[in-house]
Amino acid sequence: MIVRWELEELPAVLEEAGIEQPLLVTSERWRELDLPVAERFYGVRPHSPLETVAAARAAATGVDGLLALGGGSAIDTAKAVSAETGLPVVSIPTTYSGAEWTPFFGVRDEEHGVKGGGGGARPVGIVYEPELTLELPPAETGGTALNALAHCAEALYVKGRNPGADSEALEGARLISVSLPLVLADGHYEDGRKRLLEGAMHAGAALAGAGLGLGHAMAQALGGRYGLPHGALNAICMPPALRFNLEVAAEEIRRFAEAMGRDDAVARAEELARLSGFSLLRHLGVPKDELGEVAEATARRGGAKANPRPATPAEIEQLLLSVW
């Protein structure tokens, strides 16, 4: 992966990636940003709906690469197009999602309320520009940063864990734990934003190296069904997933806590979630009487199957009820 810092490096990254005529994949928010692209698609929507991916795919005619600008939805939309076309993707993340690191992507079937996805995308480059995150609202800041923190936690104990991903996860957890409260207090604190983005970068590398676990599976099932922000759902689902895994991954979770500068990983995750404005699923409008169905959907997801402790739908439902 080609990784550079500051937007002025973008032309060099595109050249190194062999991309001369890229399609910009982004939302209306970034219409005024001047970038070296041949074509532009401004139709990105939350959770990368199937219709949006199809529209972006149609816009990719005659280009030789994709430039994704935005959060996880923009990057996942570009990656879904990449998987269909074989086009390489360079990403400019404007949140802390970490999607820029993996060939996998999520797409939402809005009609059926299901979040699916796939793999096979060709991410080849990343340009990090902290200035593009300065206007990110607190909810999106906290939610996407806690999504990144969940990448760190799960990388330490999922079935795909390895020493390289462990190292990335611990550094990411350290940077996020220190920087997130500072950025929530002052969104224009540039050094804090840069360190938080560095933490998300390490978290993304950990995600790419190890994979996802039960907490993410719960968040994905909820997001697919209700169209709620992925970061907010991860903020709420991470603590019960950590509690559930303490029985089999106590040492890994202890290392996670230590990296965050605390003795109790669950308590720190809950503290950061509260600072970001997230505590219970009911506050997001999730109906209690549908949690059993959400649990069934969670159990079928890859993250649940990669979790170090198997979880039945009944057990997952109890975890969801604990944060309802």
C-alpha atoms as a PDB file:
ATOM      1  CA  MET A   1       0.000   0.000   0.000  1.00  0.00           C
ATOM      2  CA  ILE A   2       1.252   3.478  -0.905  1.00  0.00           C
ATOM      3  CA  VAL A   3       0.702   5.743   2.119  1.00  0.00           C
ATOM      4  CA  ARG A   4       1.393   9.475   2.151  1.00  0.00           C
ATOM      5  CA  TRP A   5       0.453  12.419   4.342  1.00  0.00           C
ATOM      6  CA  GLU A   6      -0.903  15.761   3.068  1.00  0.00           C
ATOM      7  CA  LEU A   7      -3.069  16.361   0.033  1.00  0.00           C
ATOM      8  CA  GLU A   8      -0.239  17.832  -2.006  1.00  0.00           C
ATOM      9  CA  GLU A   9       1.133  14.279  -2.276  1.00  0.00           C
ATOM     10  CA  LEU A  10      -1.954  13.054  -4.168  1.00  0.00           C
ATOM     11  CA  PRO A  11      -0.608  13.591  -7.721  1.00  0.00           C
ATOM     12  CA  ALA A  12       2.531  11.619  -6.871  1.00  0.00           C
ATOM     13  CA  VAL A  13       0.479   8.812  -5.337  1.00  0.00           C
ATOM     14  CA  LEU A  14      -1.764   8.602  -8.413  1.00  0.00           C
ATOM     15  CA  GLU A  15       1.301   8.524 -10.650  1.00  0.00           C
ATOM     16  CA  GLU A  16       2.949   5.805  -8.570  1.00  0.00           C
ATOM     17  CA  ALA A  17      -0.273   3.808  -8.730  1.00  0.00           C
ATOM     18  CA  GLY A  18      -0.378   4.184 -12.524  1.00  0.00           C
ATOM     19  CA  ILE A  19      -3.634   6.140 -12.503  1.00  0.00           C
ATOM     20  CA  GLU A  20      -3.945   8.973 -15.048  1.00  0.00           C
ATOM     21  CA  GLN A  21      -7.716   9.397 -15.453  1.00  0.00           C
ATOM     22  CA  PRO A  22      -9.447   8.695 -12.122  1.00  0.00           C
ATOM     23  CA  LEU A  23     -13.125   8.906 -11.233  1.00  0.00           C
ATOM     24  CA  LEU A  24     -13.745  10.815  -7.995  1.00  0.00           C
ATOM     25  CA  VAL A  25     -16.220   8.923  -5.789  1.00  0.00           C
ATOM     26  CA  THR A  26     -17.577  11.191  -3.048  1.00  0.00           C
ATOM     27  CA  SER A  27     -20.591  13.109  -1.728  1.00  0.00           C
ATOM     28  CA  GLU A  28     -21.925  16.603  -2.334  1.00  0.00           C
ATOM     29  CA  ARG A  29     -20.042  17.793   0.738  1.00  0.00           C
ATOM     30  CA  TRP A  30     -16.776  17.797  -1.220  1.00  0.00           C
ATOM     31  CA  ARG A  31     -18.005  19.277  -4.506  1.00  0.00           C
ATOM     32  CA  GLU A  32     -15.854  22.408  -4.119  1.00  0.00           C
ATOM     33  CA  LEU A  33     -12.587  20.570  -3.428  1.00  0.00           C
ATOM     34  CA  ASP A  34     -10.284  20.812  -6.439  1.00  0.00           C
ATOM     35  CA  LEU A  35      -8.665  17.466  -7.204  1.00  0.00           C
ATOM     36  CA  PRO A  36      -6.791  16.062 -10.250  1.00  0.00           C
ATOM     37  CA  VAL A  37      -9.561  13.823 -11.581  1.00  0.00           C
ATOM     38  CA  ALA A  38     -11.082  13.130 -14.994  1.00  0.00           C
ATOM     39  CA  GLU A  39     -14.663  12.380 -13.907  1.00  0.00           C
ATOM     40  CA  ARG A  40     -16.725  12.999 -10.769  1.00  0.00           C
ATOM     41  CA  PHE A  41     -19.461  11.082  -8.952  1.00  0.00           C
ATOM     42  CA  TYR A  42     -21.095  12.965  -6.054  1.00  0.00           C
ATOM     43  CA  GLY A  43     -23.832  10.467  -5.215  1.00  0.00           C
ATOM     44  CA  VAL A  44     -22.339   8.606  -2.235  1.00  0.00           C
ATOM     45  CA  ARG A  45     -24.907   7.782   0.476  1.00  0.00           C
ATOM     46  CA  PRO A  46     -24.604   6.197   3.945  1.00  0.00           C
ATOM     47  CA  HIS A  47     -24.022   2.432   4.009  1.00  0.00           C
ATOM     48  CA  SER A  48     -23.273   2.332   0.242  1.00  0.00           C
ATOM     49  CA  PRO A  49     -26.737   1.275  -1.044  1.00  0.00           C
ATOM     50  CA  LEU A  50     -26.803  -1.093  -3.996  1.00  0.00           C
ATOM     51  CA  GLU A  51     -28.359   1.603  -6.201  1.00  0.00           C
ATOM     52  CA  THR A  52     -25.542   4.016  -5.384  1.00  0.00           C
ATOM     53  CA  VAL A  53     -22.908   1.441  -6.244  1.00  0.00           C
ATOM     54  CA  ALA A  54     -24.642   0.791  -9.581  1.00  0.00           C
ATOM     55  CA  ALA A  55     -24.680   4.528 -10.352  1.00  0.00           C
ATOM     56  CA  ALA A  56     -20.989   4.862  -9.475  1.00  0.00           C
ATOM     57  CA  ARG A  57     -20.221   1.853 -11.629  1.00  0.00           C
ATOM     58  CA  ALA A  58     -21.980   3.505 -14.565  1.00  0.00           C
ATOM     59  CA  ALA A  59     -19.946   6.676 -13.996  1.00  0.00           C
ATOM     60  CA  ALA A  60     -16.685   4.707 -14.137  1.00  0.00           C
ATOM     61  CA  THR A  61     -16.768   4.271 -17.903  1.00  0.00           C
ATOM     62  CA  GLY A  62     -13.534   5.359 -19.585  1.00  0.00           C
ATOM     63  CA  VAL A  63     -11.475   5.891 -16.426  1.00  0.00           C
ATOM     64  CA  ASP A  64      -8.401   3.988 -15.264  1.00  0.00           C
ATOM     65  CA  GLY A  65      -8.792   4.299 -11.511  1.00  0.00           C
ATOM     66  CA  LEU A  66     -10.973   5.410  -8.606  1.00  0.00           C
ATOM     67  CA  LEU A  67     -10.310   8.181  -6.090  1.00  0.00           C
ATOM     68  CA  ALA A  68     -12.476   7.726  -2.987  1.00  0.00           C
ATOM     69  CA  LEU A  69     -12.925  10.841  -0.861  1.00  0.00           C
ATOM     70  CA  GLY A  70     -14.884  10.657   2.370  1.00  0.00           C
ATOM     71  CA  GLY A  71     -15.692   8.160   5.087  1.00  0.00           C
ATOM     72  CA  GLY A  72     -16.405   4.459   4.981  1.00  0.00           C
ATOM     73  CA  SER A  73     -19.414   4.811   2.693  1.00  0.00           C
ATOM     74  CA  ALA A  74     -17.456   6.630  -0.012  1.00  0.00           C
ATOM     75  CA  ILE A  75     -14.571   4.211   0.221  1.00  0.00           C
ATOM     76  CA  ASP A  76     -16.821   1.147   0.275  1.00  0.00           C
ATOM     77  CA  THR A  77     -18.710   2.451  -2.762  1.00  0.00           C
ATOM     78  CA  ALA A  78     -15.430   2.839  -4.643  1.00  0.00           C
ATOM     79  CA  LYS A  79     -14.241  -0.588  -3.514  1.00  0.00           C
ATOM     80  CA  ALA A  80     -17.477  -2.215  -4.663  1.00  0.00           C
ATOM     81  CA  VAL A  81     -16.954  -0.646  -8.103  1.00  0.00           C
ATOM     82  CA  SER A  82     -13.321  -1.761  -8.025  1.00  0.00           C
ATOM     83  CA  ALA A  83     -14.354  -5.352  -7.335  1.00  0.00           C
ATOM     84  CA  GLU A  84     -16.632  -5.276 -10.389  1.00  0.00           C
ATOM     85  CA  THR A  85     -14.227  -3.532 -12.750  1.00  0.00           C
ATOM     86  CA  GLY A  86     -10.715  -4.337 -11.511  1.00  0.00           C
ATOM     87  CA  LEU A  87      -9.928  -0.619 -11.239  1.00  0.00           C
ATOM     88  CA  PRO A  88      -7.399   0.410  -8.561  1.00  0.00           C
ATOM     89  CA  VAL A  89      -8.538   2.603  -5.652  1.00  0.00           C
ATOM     90  CA  VAL A  90      -6.718   5.474  -3.969  1.00  0.00           C
ATOM     91  CA  SER A  91      -8.494   6.770  -0.853  1.00  0.00           C
ATOM     92  CA  ILE A  92      -8.525  10.105   0.963  1.00  0.00           C
ATOM     93  CA  PRO A  93     -10.251   9.295   4.281  1.00  0.00           C
ATOM     94  CA  THR A  94     -12.111  12.144   5.969  1.00  0.00           C
ATOM     95  CA  THR A  95     -13.241  10.066   8.962  1.00  0.00           C
ATOM     96  CA  TYR A  96     -11.552   7.374  11.055  1.00  0.00           C
ATOM     97  CA  SER A  97     -13.292   4.312   9.579  1.00  0.00           C
ATOM     98  CA  GLY A  98     -10.217   2.425   8.337  1.00  0.00           C
ATOM     99  CA  ALA A  99     -12.021   1.208   5.212  1.00  0.00           C
ATOM    100  CA  GLU A 100      -9.126   2.403   3.070  1.00  0.00           C
ATOM    101  CA  TRP A 101      -6.971  -0.541   4.162  1.00  0.00           C
ATOM    102  CA  THR A 102      -8.949  -3.586   3.086  1.00  0.00           C
ATOM    103  CA  PRO A 103     -10.190  -5.187  -0.150  1.00  0.00           C
ATOM    104  CA  PHE A 104     -13.519  -5.917   1.557  1.00  0.00           C
ATOM    105  CA  PHE A 105     -16.570  -3.672   1.468  1.00  0.00           C
ATOM    106  CA  GLY A 106     -20.093  -3.429   2.794  1.00  0.00           C
ATOM    107  CA  VAL A 107     -23.174  -2.545   0.745  1.00  0.00           C
ATOM    108  CA  ARG A 108     -26.755  -2.212   1.917  1.00  0.00           C
ATOM    109  CA  ASP A 109     -29.886  -3.650   0.378  1.00  0.00           C
ATOM    110  CA  GLU A 110     -32.276  -0.922   1.533  1.00  0.00           C
ATOM    111  CA  GLU A 111     -35.384  -2.768   0.366  1.00  0.00           C
ATOM    112  CA  HIS A 112     -34.676  -5.818   2.531  1.00  0.00           C
ATOM    113  CA  GLY A 113     -32.802  -4.065   5.359  1.00  0.00           C
ATOM    114  CA  VAL A 114     -29.676  -6.193   5.000  1.00  0.00           C
ATOM    115  CA  LYS A 115     -26.005  -5.199   5.013  1.00  0.00           C
ATOM    116  CA  GLY A 116     -24.020  -7.466   2.726  1.00  0.00           C
ATOM    117  CA  GLY A 117     -20.757  -7.024   0.934  1.00  0.00           C
ATOM    118  CA  GLY A 118     -17.874  -8.742  -0.690  1.00  0.00           C
ATOM    119  CA  GLY A 119     -14.184  -8.645  -1.459  1.00  0.00           C
ATOM    120  CA  GLY A 120     -11.820  -8.416  -4.373  1.00  0.00           C
ATOM    121  CA  ALA A 121     -11.336  -4.651  -4.474  1.00  0.00           C
ATOM    122  CA  ARG A 122      -7.906  -3.220  -5.361  1.00  0.00           C
ATOM    123  CA  PRO A 123      -6.917  -0.586  -2.767  1.00  0.00           C
ATOM    124  CA  VAL A 124      -3.460   0.635  -3.781  1.00  0.00           C
ATOM    125  CA  GLY A 125      -2.939   4.001  -2.097  1.00  0.00           C
ATOM    126  CA  ILE A 126      -3.971   6.274   0.767  1.00  0.00           C
ATOM    127  CA  VAL A 127      -3.476   9.994   1.293  1.00  0.00           C
ATOM    128  CA  TYR A 128      -4.136  11.263   4.823  1.00  0.00           C
ATOM    129  CA  GLU A 129      -4.934  14.961   5.190  1.00  0.00           C
ATOM    130  CA  PRO A 130      -5.839  15.962   8.773  1.00  0.00           C
ATOM    131  CA  GLU A 131      -7.228  19.328   7.632  1.00  0.00           C
ATOM    132  CA  LEU A 132     -10.115  17.543   5.928  1.00  0.00           C
ATOM    133  CA  THR A 133     -11.252  16.223   9.318  1.00  0.00           C
ATOM    134  CA  LEU A 134     -11.398  19.588  11.126  1.00  0.00           C
ATOM    135  CA  GLU A 135     -15.095  20.151  10.382  1.00  0.00           C
ATOM    136  CA  LEU A 136     -16.166  16.588  11.235  1.00  0.00           C
ATOM    137  CA  PRO A 137     -18.993  16.894  13.812  1.00  0.00           C
ATOM    138  CA  PRO A 138     -18.545  15.337  17.291  1.00  0.00           C
ATOM    139  CA  ALA A 139     -20.904  12.412  16.650  1.00  0.00           C
ATOM    140  CA  GLU A 140     -19.109  11.379  13.464  1.00  0.00           C
ATOM    141  CA  THR A 141     -15.727  12.046  15.059  1.00  0.00           C
ATOM    142  CA  GLY A 142     -16.475   9.907  18.088  1.00  0.00           C
ATOM    143  CA  GLY A 143     -18.356   7.202  16.244  1.00  0.00           C
ATOM    144  CA  THR A 144     -15.783   6.589  13.533  1.00  0.00           C
ATOM    145  CA  ALA A 145     -12.906   6.815  16.031  1.00  0.00           C
ATOM    146  CA  LEU A 146     -14.594   4.195  18.201  1.00  0.00           C
ATOM    147  CA  ASN A 147     -15.090   2.042  15.129  1.00  0.00           C
ATOM    148  CA  ALA A 148     -11.322   2.292  14.688  1.00  0.00           C
ATOM    149  CA  LEU A 149     -10.795   1.456  18.360  1.00  0.00           C
ATOM    150  CA  ALA A 150     -12.970  -1.636  17.916  1.00  0.00           C
ATOM    151  CA  HIS A 151     -10.697  -2.665  15.020  1.00  0.00           C
ATOM    152  CA  CYS A 152      -7.802  -2.518  17.484  1.00  0.00           C
ATOM    153  CA  ALA A 153      -9.599  -4.534  20.150  1.00  0.00           C
ATOM    154  CA  GLU A 154     -10.778  -7.288  17.831  1.00  0.00           C
ATOM    155  CA  ALA A 155      -7.490  -7.583  15.941  1.00  0.00           C
ATOM    156  CA  LEU A 156      -5.883  -8.696  19.206  1.00  0.00           C
ATOM    157  CA  TYR A 157      -8.107 -11.744  19.695  1.00  0.00           C
ATOM    158  CA  VAL A 158      -9.885 -12.812  16.486  1.00  0.00           C
ATOM    159  CA  LYS A 159      -8.901 -16.030  14.741  1.00  0.00           C
ATOM    160  CA  GLY A 160      -6.788 -14.146  12.189  1.00  0.00           C
ATOM    161  CA  ARG A 161      -4.621 -12.402  14.785  1.00  0.00           C
ATOM    162  CA  ASN A 162      -0.872 -12.201  14.229  1.00  0.00           C
ATOM    163  CA  PRO A 163       2.112 -10.291  15.691  1.00  0.00           C
ATOM    164  CA  GLY A 164       2.136  -7.640  12.976  1.00  0.00           C
ATOM    165  CA  ALA A 165      -1.541  -6.815  13.433  1.00  0.00           C
ATOM    166  CA  ASP A 166      -1.086  -6.876  17.226  1.00  0.00           C
ATOM    167  CA  SER A 167       1.571  -4.186  16.983  1.00  0.00           C
ATOM    168  CA  GLU A 168      -0.640  -1.990  14.799  1.00  0.00           C
ATOM    169  CA  ALA A 169      -3.623  -2.524  17.109  1.00  0.00           C
ATOM    170  CA  LEU A 170      -1.774  -1.545  20.273  1.00  0.00           C
ATOM    171  CA  GLU A 171      -0.359   1.626  18.736  1.00  0.00           C
ATOM    172  CA  GLY A 172      -3.745   2.533  17.329  1.00  0.00           C
ATOM    173  CA  ALA A 173      -5.437   2.008  20.692  1.00  0.00           C
ATOM    174  CA  ARG A 174      -2.877   4.204  22.418  1.00  0.00           C
ATOM    175  CA  LEU A 175      -3.272   7.094  19.981  1.00  0.00           C
ATOM    176  CA  ILE A 176      -7.071   6.941  19.864  1.00  0.00           C
ATOM    177  CA  SER A 177      -7.479   6.746  23.644  1.00  0.00           C
ATOM    178  CA  VAL A 178      -5.251   9.777  24.167  1.00  0.00           C
ATOM    179  CA  SER A 179      -6.465  11.902  21.254  1.00  0.00           C
ATOM    180  CA  LEU A 180     -10.215  11.340  21.065  1.00  0.00           C
ATOM    181  CA  PRO A 181     -11.139  13.212  24.287  1.00  0.00           C
ATOM    182  CA  LEU A 182      -8.978  16.156  23.216  1.00  0.00           C
ATOM    183  CA  VAL A 183     -10.579  16.327  19.775  1.00  0.00           C
ATOM    184  CA  LEU A 184     -14.096  16.010  21.182  1.00  0.00           C
ATOM    185  CA  ALA A 185     -13.319  18.975  23.429  1.00  0.00           C
ATOM    186  CA  ASP A 186     -11.863  21.010  20.543  1.00  0.00           C
ATOM    187  CA  GLY A 187     -12.613  19.806  17.031  1.00  0.00           C
ATOM    188  CA  HIS A 188     -10.137  22.294  15.550  1.00  0.00           C
ATOM    189  CA  TYR A 189      -7.203  21.040  17.615  1.00  0.00           C
ATOM    190  CA  GLU A 190      -4.997  20.202  14.637  1.00  0.00           C
ATOM    191  CA  ASP A 191      -2.364  18.145  16.438  1.00  0.00           C
ATOM    192  CA  GLY A 192      -5.090  16.106  18.110  1.00  0.00           C
ATOM    193  CA  ARG A 193      -6.800  15.510  14.766  1.00  0.00           C
ATOM    194  CA  LYS A 194      -3.530  14.357  13.233  1.00  0.00           C
ATOM    195  CA  ARG A 195      -2.812  11.940  16.067  1.00  0.00           C
ATOM    196  CA  LEU A 196      -6.355  10.597  15.932  1.00  0.00           C
ATOM    197  CA  LEU A 197      -5.968  10.025  12.194  1.00  0.00           C
ATOM    198  CA  GLU A 198      -2.644   8.289  12.857  1.00  0.00           C
ATOM    199  CA  GLY A 199      -4.435   6.053  15.345  1.00  0.00           C
ATOM    200  CA  ALA A 200      -7.095   5.232  12.770  1.00  0.00           C
ATOM    201  CA  MET A 201      -4.344   4.453  10.247  1.00  0.00           C
ATOM    202  CA  HIS A 202      -2.816   1.892  12.613  1.00  0.00           C
ATOM    203  CA  ALA A 203      -6.276   0.528  13.398  1.00  0.00           C
ATOM    204  CA  GLY A 204      -6.974   0.115   9.685  1.00  0.00           C
ATOM    205  CA  ALA A 205      -3.729  -1.766   9.217  1.00  0.00           C
ATOM    206  CA  ALA A 206      -4.679  -4.013  12.153  1.00  0.00           C
ATOM    207  CA  LEU A 207      -8.082  -4.622  10.571  1.00  0.00           C
ATOM    208  CA  ALA A 208      -6.459  -5.521   7.249  1.00  0.00           C
ATOM    209  CA  GLY A 209      -4.038  -7.872   8.972  1.00  0.00           C
ATOM    210  CA  ALA A 210      -6.390  -9.708  11.328  1.00  0.00           C
ATOM    211  CA  GLY A 211     -10.080  -9.167  10.566  1.00  0.00           C
ATOM    212  CA  LEU A 212     -13.257  -8.475  12.530  1.00  0.00           C
ATOM    213  CA  GLY A 213     -15.010 -10.040  15.519  1.00  0.00           C
ATOM    214  CA  LEU A 214     -18.368 -10.240  17.274  1.00  0.00           C
ATOM    215  CA  GLY A 215     -18.728  -6.540  18.128  1.00  0.00           C
ATOM    216  CA  HIS A 216     -18.491  -5.556  14.488  1.00  0.00           C
ATOM    217  CA  ALA A 217     -20.878  -8.351  13.490  1.00  0.00           C
ATOM    218  CA  MET A 218     -23.515  -6.941  15.844  1.00  0.00           C
ATOM    219  CA  ALA A 219     -22.961  -3.412  14.520  1.00  0.00           C
ATOM    220  CA  GLN A 220     -23.201  -4.592  10.903  1.00  0.00           C
ATOM    221  CA  ALA A 221     -26.422  -6.509  11.504  1.00  0.00           C
ATOM    222  CA  LEU A 222     -27.978  -3.486  13.229  1.00  0.00           C
ATOM    223  CA  GLY A 223     -26.744  -1.088  10.559  1.00  0.00           C
ATOM    224  CA  GLY A 224     -28.069  -3.205   7.746  1.00  0.00           C
ATOM    225  CA  ARG A 225     -31.495  -3.513   9.312  1.00  0.00           C
ATOM    226  CA  TYR A 226     -31.990   0.069  10.480  1.00  0.00           C
ATOM    227  CA  GLY A 227     -29.579   2.183   8.410  1.00  0.00           C
ATOM    228  CA  LEU A 228     -27.936   3.592  11.539  1.00  0.00           C
ATOM    229  CA  PRO A 229     -24.369   4.991  11.648  1.00  0.00           C
ATOM    230  CA  HIS A 230     -21.801   2.205  11.779  1.00  0.00           C
ATOM    231  CA  GLY A 231     -19.541   4.125  14.149  1.00  0.00           C
ATOM    232  CA  ALA A 232     -22.283   4.782  16.694  1.00  0.00           C
ATOM    233  CA  LEU A 233     -23.242   1.107  16.652  1.00  0.00           C
ATOM    234  CA  ASN A 234     -19.657  -0.004  17.170  1.00  0.00           C
ATOM    235  CA  ALA A 235     -19.329   2.422  20.079  1.00  0.00           C
ATOM    236  CA  ILE A 236     -22.293   0.728  21.772  1.00  0.00           C
ATOM    237  CA  CYS A 237     -21.520  -2.874  20.766  1.00  0.00           C
ATOM    238  CA  MET A 238     -17.799  -2.926  21.636  1.00  0.00           C
ATOM    239  CA  PRO A 239     -18.193  -3.066  25.471  1.00  0.00           C
ATOM    240  CA  PRO A 240     -20.560  -6.079  25.595  1.00  0.00           C
ATOM    241  CA  ALA A 241     -18.404  -7.911  23.032  1.00  0.00           C
ATOM    242  CA  LEU A 242     -15.332  -7.285  25.193  1.00  0.00           C
ATOM    243  CA  ARG A 243     -17.166  -8.581  28.271  1.00  0.00           C
ATOM    244  CA  PHE A 244     -18.248 -11.700  26.400  1.00  0.00           C
ATOM    245  CA  ASN A 245     -14.696 -12.426  25.251  1.00  0.00           C
ATOM    246  CA  LEU A 246     -13.007 -11.877  28.624  1.00  0.00           C
ATOM    247  CA  GLU A 247     -13.541 -15.563  29.391  1.00  0.00           C
ATOM    248  CA  VAL A 248     -11.236 -16.657  26.553  1.00  0.00           C
ATOM    249  CA  ALA A 249      -9.132 -13.569  25.730  1.00  0.00           C
ATOM    250  CA  ALA A 250      -8.363 -12.023  29.112  1.00  0.00           C
ATOM    251  CA  GLU A 251      -4.665 -11.458  28.358  1.00  0.00           C
ATOM    252  CA  GLU A 252      -5.337  -9.885  24.962  1.00  0.00           C
ATOM    253  CA  ILE A 253      -7.961  -7.566  26.439  1.00  0.00           C
ATOM    254  CA  ARG A 254      -5.573  -6.683  29.274  1.00  0.00           C
ATOM    255  CA  ARG A 255      -3.012  -5.604  26.663  1.00  0.00           C
ATOM    256  CA  PHE A 256      -5.705  -3.546  24.961  1.00  0.00           C
ATOM    257  CA  ALA A 257      -6.496  -1.808  28.265  1.00  0.00           C
ATOM    258  CA  GLU A 258      -2.818  -1.188  28.939  1.00  0.00           C
ATOM    259  CA  ALA A 259      -2.388   0.407  25.515  1.00  0.00           C
ATOM    260  CA  MET A 260      -5.258   2.766  26.349  1.00  0.00           C
ATOM    261  CA  GLY A 261      -3.574   3.682  29.627  1.00  0.00           C
ATOM    262  CA  ARG A 262      -6.188   1.970  31.800  1.00  0.00           C
ATOM    263  CA  ASP A 263      -6.673  -1.165  33.885  1.00  0.00           C
ATOM    264  CA  ASP A 264     -10.194  -1.876  32.612  1.00  0.00           C
ATOM    265  CA  ALA A 265     -10.713  -2.026  28.829  1.00  0.00           C
ATOM    266  CA  VAL A 266     -14.501  -2.251  29.059  1.00  0.00           C
ATOM    267  CA  ALA A 267     -14.753   0.769  31.335  1.00  0.00           C
ATOM    268  CA  ARG A 268     -12.524   2.842  29.036  1.00  0.00           C
ATOM    269  CA  ALA A 269     -14.524   1.832  25.946  1.00  0.00           C
ATOM    270  CA  GLU A 270     -17.746   2.839  27.725  1.00  0.00           C
ATOM    271  CA  GLU A 271     -16.205   6.116  28.885  1.00  0.00           C
ATOM    272  CA  LEU A 272     -15.133   7.075  25.357  1.00  0.00           C
ATOM    273  CA  ALA A 273     -18.538   6.081  23.982  1.00  0.00           C
ATOM    274  CA  ARG A 274     -20.317   8.306  26.530  1.00  0.00           C
ATOM    275  CA  LEU A 275     -17.997  11.201  25.677  1.00  0.00           C
ATOM    276  CA  SER A 276     -19.019  10.732  22.047  1.00  0.00           C
ATOM    277  CA  GLY A 277     -22.719  10.715  22.944  1.00  0.00           C
ATOM    278  CA  PHE A 278     -23.442   6.983  22.657  1.00  0.00           C
ATOM    279  CA  SER A 279     -24.588   4.614  25.374  1.00  0.00           C
ATOM    280  CA  LEU A 280     -27.739   2.621  24.499  1.00  0.00           C
ATOM    281  CA  LEU A 281     -29.375   1.216  21.374  1.00  0.00           C
ATOM    282  CA  ARG A 282     -32.781   2.550  22.386  1.00  0.00           C
ATOM    283  CA  HIS A 283     -31.427   6.086  22.027  1.00  0.00           C
ATOM    284  CA  LEU A 284     -30.869   5.320  18.330  1.00  0.00           C
ATOM    285  CA  GLY A 285     -34.420   4.054  17.901  1.00  0.00           C
ATOM    286  CA  VAL A 286     -33.656   0.321  17.817  1.00  0.00           C
ATOM    287  CA  PRO A 287     -36.829  -1.605  18.804  1.00  0.00           C
ATOM    288  CA  LYS A 288     -36.364  -4.061  21.658  1.00  0.00           C
ATOM    289  CA  ASP A 289     -38.742  -6.667  20.259  1.00  0.00           C
ATOM    290  CA  GLU A 290     -36.614  -7.165  17.133  1.00  0.00           C
ATOM    291  CA  LEU A 291     -33.314  -7.899  18.878  1.00  0.00           C
ATOM    292  CA  GLY A 292     -33.836 -11.642  18.530  1.00  0.00           C
ATOM    293  CA  GLU A 293     -33.931 -11.282  14.748  1.00  0.00           C
ATOM    294  CA  VAL A 294     -30.871  -9.023  14.837  1.00  0.00           C
ATOM    295  CA  ALA A 295     -29.071 -11.674  16.892  1.00  0.00           C
ATOM    296  CA  GLU A 296     -29.899 -14.354  14.302  1.00  0.00           C
ATOM    297  CA  ALA A 297     -28.488 -12.129  11.548  1.00  0.00           C
ATOM    298  CA  THR A 298     -25.390 -11.392  13.636  1.00  0.00           C
ATOM    299  CA  ALA A 299     -24.616 -15.069  14.172  1.00  0.00           C
ATOM    300  CA  ARG A 300     -24.438 -15.610  10.412  1.00  0.00           C
ATOM    301  CA  ARG A 301     -21.832 -12.898   9.841  1.00  0.00           C
ATOM    302  CA  GLY A 302     -18.132 -13.573   9.325  1.00  0.00           C
ATOM    303  CA  GLY A 303     -17.101 -11.492  12.331  1.00  0.00           C
ATOM    304  CA  ALA A 304     -19.160 -13.675  14.667  1.00  0.00           C
ATOM    305  CA  LYS A 305     -17.617 -16.798  13.177  1.00  0.00           C
ATOM    306  CA  ALA A 306     -14.079 -15.377  13.623  1.00  0.00           C
ATOM    307  CA  ASN A 307     -14.702 -14.517  17.265  1.00  0.00           C
ATOM    308  CA  PRO A 308     -12.529 -16.487  19.719  1.00  0.00           C
ATOM    309  CA  ARG A 309     -15.601 -17.544  21.730  1.00  0.00           C
ATOM    310  CA  PRO A 310     -18.551 -18.932  19.726  1.00  0.00           C
ATOM    311  CA  ALA A 311     -21.781 -17.051  20.348  1.00  0.00           C
ATOM    312  CA  THR A 312     -25.253 -18.501  19.872  1.00  0.00           C
ATOM    313  CA  PRO A 313     -28.121 -16.283  18.727  1.00  0.00           C
ATOM    314  CA  ALA A 314     -29.558 -16.484  22.241  1.00  0.00           C
ATOM    315  CA  GLU A 315     -26.268 -15.281  23.747  1.00  0.00           C
ATOM    316  CA  ILE A 316     -26.012 -12.477  21.195  1.00  0.00           C
ATOM    317  CA  GLU A 317     -29.557 -11.387  21.983  1.00  0.00           C
ATOM    318  CA  GLN A 318     -28.607 -11.085  25.662  1.00  0.00           C
ATOM    319  CA  LEU A 319     -25.576  -8.966  24.729  1.00  0.00           C
ATOM    320  CA  LEU A 320     -27.803  -6.672  22.668  1.00  0.00           C
ATOM    321  CA  LEU A 321     -30.340  -6.454  25.480  1.00  0.00           C
ATOM    322  CA  SER A 322     -27.548  -5.443  27.872  1.00  0.00           C
ATOM    323  CA  VAL A 323     -27.018  -2.250  25.842  1.00  0.00           C
ATOM    324  CA  TRP A 324     -30.639  -1.644  24.853  1.00  0.00           C
END
